[in-house]
Amino acid sequence: MNITIVGKNIEVTPALREAVQDKLGKLDKFFNQETEANVRLSVDKDRHRIEVTIPVKGDIIRSEQVSNDMYVSIDLVEEVIERQLKKYKNKIIQKHQAGDSFKKEFLDRDYMDEDEIRIVRRKQFDMKPMYPEDACVQMELLGHSFYVFLNAENEQVAVVYKRKGGTYGMIEPEG
């Protein structure tokens, strides 16, 4: 795997470069030698962020990790990508059929079914129209991190969610 490393607000020192190559080098067991991995390191205040993007035949495998130490972020990003690859292996293979970007050993190996996505609970509930601010209050009362509701302003289903820093966000359909 070919790894390209760039830095924003951080100098990519030889030690950092080596740490990234060592950690992401562990992913070589999954990818062919021609596969490109793009790594972007950035620092904003005390937030050390690593973004890894691996384009594979019309799709992207991506992970972004943030911590207060760049080396911790590097460790985390490798673990997440490996877990994603194992979890979605069958979907990746079906979508890309031959799996050109991947090593034969990865394609041939079976991973535990415990990594499959399983919906274990379904909920249905009556949605009464409410304003986004009321939905945020309801979410807080329930102790949830998100809340699905019928927006009284446009009569469309929307979601409010709690963001870092105590703020709220809202997801709603376009149009």
C-alpha atoms as a PDB file:
ATOM      1  CA  MET A   1       0.000   0.000   0.000  1.00  0.00           C
ATOM      2  CA  ASN A   2       1.308   3.459  -0.907  1.00  0.00           C
ATOM      3  CA  ILE A   3       0.803   6.026   1.845  1.00  0.00           C
ATOM      4  CA  THR A   4       0.776   9.781   1.174  1.00  0.00           C
ATOM      5  CA  ILE A   5       1.018  11.927   4.314  1.00  0.00           C
ATOM      6  CA  VAL A   6       0.304  15.666   4.504  1.00  0.00           C
ATOM      7  CA  GLY A   7       0.124  17.966   7.509  1.00  0.00           C
ATOM      8  CA  LYS A   8      -1.965  21.024   8.314  1.00  0.00           C
ATOM      9  CA  ASN A   9      -0.791  23.168  11.219  1.00  0.00           C
ATOM     10  CA  ILE A  10       1.699  20.414  12.028  1.00  0.00           C
ATOM     11  CA  GLU A  11       5.101  19.465  10.720  1.00  0.00           C
ATOM     12  CA  VAL A  12       5.205  15.861   9.552  1.00  0.00           C
ATOM     13  CA  THR A  13       8.360  14.850  11.393  1.00  0.00           C
ATOM     14  CA  PRO A  14      10.229  11.650  10.565  1.00  0.00           C
ATOM     15  CA  ALA A  15       8.911  10.148  13.829  1.00  0.00           C
ATOM     16  CA  LEU A  16       5.291  10.946  12.891  1.00  0.00           C
ATOM     17  CA  ARG A  17       5.818   9.650   9.355  1.00  0.00           C
ATOM     18  CA  GLU A  18       7.274   6.414  10.741  1.00  0.00           C
ATOM     19  CA  ALA A  19       4.402   6.010  13.238  1.00  0.00           C
ATOM     20  CA  VAL A  20       1.804   6.432  10.477  1.00  0.00           C
ATOM     21  CA  GLN A  21       3.617   4.057   8.122  1.00  0.00           C
ATOM     22  CA  ASP A  22       4.078   1.445  10.862  1.00  0.00           C
ATOM     23  CA  LYS A  23       0.446   1.543  11.962  1.00  0.00           C
ATOM     24  CA  LEU A  24      -1.129   1.737   8.516  1.00  0.00           C
ATOM     25  CA  GLY A  25       1.418  -0.801   7.304  1.00  0.00           C
ATOM     26  CA  LYS A  26      -0.580  -3.324   9.335  1.00  0.00           C
ATOM     27  CA  LEU A  27      -3.346  -2.844   6.760  1.00  0.00           C
ATOM     28  CA  ASP A  28      -1.052  -4.218   4.032  1.00  0.00           C
ATOM     29  CA  LYS A  29      -2.511  -7.652   4.754  1.00  0.00           C
ATOM     30  CA  PHE A  30      -5.814  -6.421   3.284  1.00  0.00           C
ATOM     31  CA  PHE A  31      -4.743  -4.318   0.283  1.00  0.00           C
ATOM     32  CA  ASN A  32      -2.743  -4.827  -2.878  1.00  0.00           C
ATOM     33  CA  GLN A  33       0.552  -3.002  -3.202  1.00  0.00           C
ATOM     34  CA  GLU A  34      -0.905  -0.511  -5.735  1.00  0.00           C
ATOM     35  CA  THR A  35      -3.609   0.707  -3.327  1.00  0.00           C
ATOM     36  CA  GLU A  36      -3.212   4.368  -2.329  1.00  0.00           C
ATOM     37  CA  ALA A  37      -3.875   5.647   1.195  1.00  0.00           C
ATOM     38  CA  ASN A  38      -4.139   9.398   1.759  1.00  0.00           C
ATOM     39  CA  VAL A  39      -3.380  10.579   5.279  1.00  0.00           C
ATOM     40  CA  ARG A  40      -3.980  14.091   6.556  1.00  0.00           C
ATOM     41  CA  LEU A  41      -2.662  15.101   9.972  1.00  0.00           C
ATOM     42  CA  SER A  42      -3.896  18.337  11.532  1.00  0.00           C
ATOM     43  CA  VAL A  43      -3.780  20.110  14.857  1.00  0.00           C
ATOM     44  CA  ASP A  44      -6.285  22.675  16.088  1.00  0.00           C
ATOM     45  CA  LYS A  45      -5.673  23.817  19.652  1.00  0.00           C
ATOM     46  CA  ASP A  46      -5.289  20.540  21.588  1.00  0.00           C
ATOM     47  CA  ARG A  47      -7.209  18.439  19.031  1.00  0.00           C
ATOM     48  CA  HIS A  48      -4.890  16.126  17.085  1.00  0.00           C
ATOM     49  CA  ARG A  49      -6.767  14.774  14.068  1.00  0.00           C
ATOM     50  CA  ILE A  50      -5.848  12.104  11.545  1.00  0.00           C
ATOM     51  CA  GLU A  51      -7.964  11.472   8.466  1.00  0.00           C
ATOM     52  CA  VAL A  52      -7.260   8.388   6.372  1.00  0.00           C
ATOM     53  CA  THR A  53      -8.917   7.945   2.984  1.00  0.00           C
ATOM     54  CA  ILE A  54      -8.414   4.825   0.887  1.00  0.00           C
ATOM     55  CA  PRO A  55     -10.159   4.934  -2.518  1.00  0.00           C
ATOM     56  CA  VAL A  56     -11.112   1.453  -3.745  1.00  0.00           C
ATOM     57  CA  LYS A  57     -12.781   1.059  -7.144  1.00  0.00           C
ATOM     58  CA  GLY A  58     -15.591   3.606  -6.936  1.00  0.00           C
ATOM     59  CA  ASP A  59     -15.841   3.611  -3.141  1.00  0.00           C
ATOM     60  CA  ILE A  60     -13.924   5.076  -0.221  1.00  0.00           C
ATOM     61  CA  ILE A  61     -12.790   3.504   3.011  1.00  0.00           C
ATOM     62  CA  ARG A  62     -12.357   6.351   5.469  1.00  0.00           C
ATOM     63  CA  SER A  63     -11.738   7.004   9.121  1.00  0.00           C
ATOM     64  CA  GLU A  64     -11.136  10.162  11.088  1.00  0.00           C
ATOM     65  CA  GLN A  65      -9.946  10.110  14.681  1.00  0.00           C
ATOM     66  CA  VAL A  66      -9.331  12.954  17.118  1.00  0.00           C
ATOM     67  CA  SER A  67      -7.578  12.935  20.487  1.00  0.00           C
ATOM     68  CA  ASN A  68      -5.249  15.129  22.503  1.00  0.00           C
ATOM     69  CA  ASP A  69      -2.211  13.145  21.253  1.00  0.00           C
ATOM     70  CA  MET A  70      -1.407  12.470  17.583  1.00  0.00           C
ATOM     71  CA  TYR A  71       0.065   9.047  18.335  1.00  0.00           C
ATOM     72  CA  VAL A  72      -3.159   7.982  20.075  1.00  0.00           C
ATOM     73  CA  SER A  73      -5.155   9.201  17.057  1.00  0.00           C
ATOM     74  CA  ILE A  74      -2.889   7.188  14.743  1.00  0.00           C
ATOM     75  CA  ASP A  75      -3.441   4.035  16.828  1.00  0.00           C
ATOM     76  CA  LEU A  76      -7.207   4.541  16.825  1.00  0.00           C
ATOM     77  CA  VAL A  77      -7.526   5.128  13.086  1.00  0.00           C
ATOM     78  CA  GLU A  78      -5.786   1.862  12.200  1.00  0.00           C
ATOM     79  CA  GLU A  79      -8.040  -0.128  14.541  1.00  0.00           C
ATOM     80  CA  VAL A  80     -11.186   1.465  13.119  1.00  0.00           C
ATOM     81  CA  ILE A  81     -10.235   0.805   9.480  1.00  0.00           C
ATOM     82  CA  GLU A  82      -9.353  -2.815  10.223  1.00  0.00           C
ATOM     83  CA  ARG A  83     -12.677  -3.296  12.026  1.00  0.00           C
ATOM     84  CA  GLN A  84     -14.550  -1.672   9.096  1.00  0.00           C
ATOM     85  CA  LEU A  85     -12.847  -3.951   6.581  1.00  0.00           C
ATOM     86  CA  LYS A  86     -13.680  -7.086   8.547  1.00  0.00           C
ATOM     87  CA  LYS A  87     -17.222  -5.967   9.242  1.00  0.00           C
ATOM     88  CA  TYR A  88     -18.094  -4.977   5.684  1.00  0.00           C
ATOM     89  CA  LYS A  89     -15.954  -7.522   3.824  1.00  0.00           C
ATOM     90  CA  ASN A  90     -18.901  -9.316   2.216  1.00  0.00           C
ATOM     91  CA  LYS A  91     -20.545  -6.080   1.126  1.00  0.00           C
ATOM     92  CA  ILE A  92     -17.259  -4.781  -0.305  1.00  0.00           C
ATOM     93  CA  ILE A  93     -16.705  -8.004  -2.264  1.00  0.00           C
ATOM     94  CA  GLN A  94     -20.266  -8.086  -3.637  1.00  0.00           C
ATOM     95  CA  LYS A  95     -20.094  -4.461  -4.703  1.00  0.00           C
ATOM     96  CA  HIS A  96     -16.672  -4.729  -6.318  1.00  0.00           C
ATOM     97  CA  GLN A  97     -17.069  -8.363  -7.414  1.00  0.00           C
ATOM     98  CA  ALA A  98     -13.432  -9.206  -8.109  1.00  0.00           C
ATOM     99  CA  GLY A  99     -12.152  -6.996  -5.290  1.00  0.00           C
ATOM    100  CA  ASP A 100      -9.218  -5.678  -7.363  1.00  0.00           C
ATOM    101  CA  SER A 101      -7.878  -3.494  -4.558  1.00  0.00           C
ATOM    102  CA  PHE A 102      -7.715  -6.286  -2.004  1.00  0.00           C
ATOM    103  CA  LYS A 103      -5.313  -9.147  -1.380  1.00  0.00           C
ATOM    104  CA  LYS A 104      -6.540 -12.665  -2.125  1.00  0.00           C
ATOM    105  CA  GLU A 105      -5.861 -13.730   1.486  1.00  0.00           C
ATOM    106  CA  PHE A 106      -8.299 -11.086   2.757  1.00  0.00           C
ATOM    107  CA  LEU A 107     -10.954 -12.051   0.218  1.00  0.00           C
ATOM    108  CA  ASP A 108     -10.635 -15.758   1.016  1.00  0.00           C
ATOM    109  CA  ARG A 109     -10.716 -15.444   4.800  1.00  0.00           C
ATOM    110  CA  ASP A 110     -14.005 -15.688   6.680  1.00  0.00           C
ATOM    111  CA  TYR A 111     -14.575 -13.338   9.575  1.00  0.00           C
ATOM    112  CA  MET A 112     -16.916 -14.001  12.466  1.00  0.00           C
ATOM    113  CA  ASP A 113     -20.621 -13.481  11.845  1.00  0.00           C
ATOM    114  CA  GLU A 114     -20.735 -11.476  15.073  1.00  0.00           C
ATOM    115  CA  ASP A 115     -19.521  -8.483  13.041  1.00  0.00           C
ATOM    116  CA  GLU A 116     -22.634  -8.500  10.860  1.00  0.00           C
ATOM    117  CA  ILE A 117     -25.143  -5.712  11.270  1.00  0.00           C
ATOM    118  CA  ARG A 118     -28.204  -6.932  13.113  1.00  0.00           C
ATOM    119  CA  ILE A 119     -31.220  -4.903  14.074  1.00  0.00           C
ATOM    120  CA  VAL A 120     -32.211  -6.225  17.481  1.00  0.00           C
ATOM    121  CA  ARG A 121     -35.039  -3.862  18.327  1.00  0.00           C
ATOM    122  CA  ARG A 122     -37.647  -1.908  16.415  1.00  0.00           C
ATOM    123  CA  LYS A 123     -39.801   0.908  17.713  1.00  0.00           C
ATOM    124  CA  GLN A 124     -42.918   2.479  16.316  1.00  0.00           C
ATOM    125  CA  PHE A 125     -44.529   5.538  17.753  1.00  0.00           C
ATOM    126  CA  ASP A 126     -47.087   8.177  16.933  1.00  0.00           C
ATOM    127  CA  MET A 127     -45.498  11.443  15.806  1.00  0.00           C
ATOM    128  CA  LYS A 128     -47.312  14.593  16.717  1.00  0.00           C
ATOM    129  CA  PRO A 129     -46.126  17.790  15.024  1.00  0.00           C
ATOM    130  CA  MET A 130     -43.780  19.853  17.186  1.00  0.00           C
ATOM    131  CA  TYR A 131     -41.255  22.624  16.777  1.00  0.00           C
ATOM    132  CA  PRO A 132     -37.524  21.790  16.753  1.00  0.00           C
ATOM    133  CA  GLU A 133     -36.956  23.515  20.096  1.00  0.00           C
ATOM    134  CA  ASP A 134     -39.710  21.388  21.672  1.00  0.00           C
ATOM    135  CA  ALA A 135     -38.121  18.270  20.179  1.00  0.00           C
ATOM    136  CA  CYS A 136     -34.823  19.216  21.861  1.00  0.00           C
ATOM    137  CA  VAL A 137     -36.586  19.545  25.197  1.00  0.00           C
ATOM    138  CA  GLN A 138     -38.293  16.170  24.684  1.00  0.00           C
ATOM    139  CA  MET A 139     -34.928  14.593  23.782  1.00  0.00           C
ATOM    140  CA  GLU A 140     -33.391  15.967  26.995  1.00  0.00           C
ATOM    141  CA  LEU A 141     -36.320  14.708  29.075  1.00  0.00           C
ATOM    142  CA  LEU A 142     -35.867  11.220  27.635  1.00  0.00           C
ATOM    143  CA  GLY A 143     -32.093  11.341  28.156  1.00  0.00           C
ATOM    144  CA  HIS A 144     -31.396  10.482  24.508  1.00  0.00           C
ATOM    145  CA  SER A 145     -28.723  11.876  22.184  1.00  0.00           C
ATOM    146  CA  PHE A 146     -31.179  12.252  19.265  1.00  0.00           C
ATOM    147  CA  TYR A 147     -34.919  12.558  18.733  1.00  0.00           C
ATOM    148  CA  VAL A 148     -37.051  11.877  15.630  1.00  0.00           C
ATOM    149  CA  PHE A 149     -40.087  14.132  15.239  1.00  0.00           C
ATOM    150  CA  LEU A 150     -42.588  15.616  12.784  1.00  0.00           C
ATOM    151  CA  ASN A 151     -41.565  19.231  12.234  1.00  0.00           C
ATOM    152  CA  ALA A 152     -44.571  21.534  12.747  1.00  0.00           C
ATOM    153  CA  GLU A 153     -42.914  24.175  10.538  1.00  0.00           C
ATOM    154  CA  ASN A 154     -42.916  22.063   7.345  1.00  0.00           C
ATOM    155  CA  GLU A 155     -44.701  18.792   8.286  1.00  0.00           C
ATOM    156  CA  GLN A 156     -41.650  16.665   7.430  1.00  0.00           C
ATOM    157  CA  VAL A 157     -39.859  14.086   9.537  1.00  0.00           C
ATOM    158  CA  ALA A 158     -36.670  15.504  11.088  1.00  0.00           C
ATOM    159  CA  VAL A 159     -34.076  14.573  13.694  1.00  0.00           C
ATOM    160  CA  VAL A 160     -32.537  16.749  16.383  1.00  0.00           C
ATOM    161  CA  TYR A 161     -29.323  15.607  17.992  1.00  0.00           C
ATOM    162  CA  LYS A 162     -26.950  16.653  20.728  1.00  0.00           C
ATOM    163  CA  ARG A 163     -23.564  17.951  19.569  1.00  0.00           C
ATOM    164  CA  LYS A 164     -20.298  18.240  21.426  1.00  0.00           C
ATOM    165  CA  GLY A 165     -20.141  21.414  23.441  1.00  0.00           C
ATOM    166  CA  GLY A 166     -23.782  21.309  24.528  1.00  0.00           C
ATOM    167  CA  THR A 167     -25.244  22.569  21.243  1.00  0.00           C
ATOM    168  CA  TYR A 168     -27.904  20.925  19.075  1.00  0.00           C
ATOM    169  CA  GLY A 169     -28.126  19.990  15.426  1.00  0.00           C
ATOM    170  CA  MET A 170     -31.026  19.113  13.157  1.00  0.00           C
ATOM    171  CA  ILE A 171     -31.240  16.803  10.155  1.00  0.00           C
ATOM    172  CA  GLU A 172     -34.113  17.270   7.746  1.00  0.00           C
ATOM    173  CA  PRO A 173     -34.863  16.348   4.122  1.00  0.00           C
ATOM    174  CA  GLU A 174     -34.118  18.829   1.330  1.00  0.00           C
ATOM    175  CA  GLY A 175     -36.923  20.640  -0.406  1.00  0.00           C
END
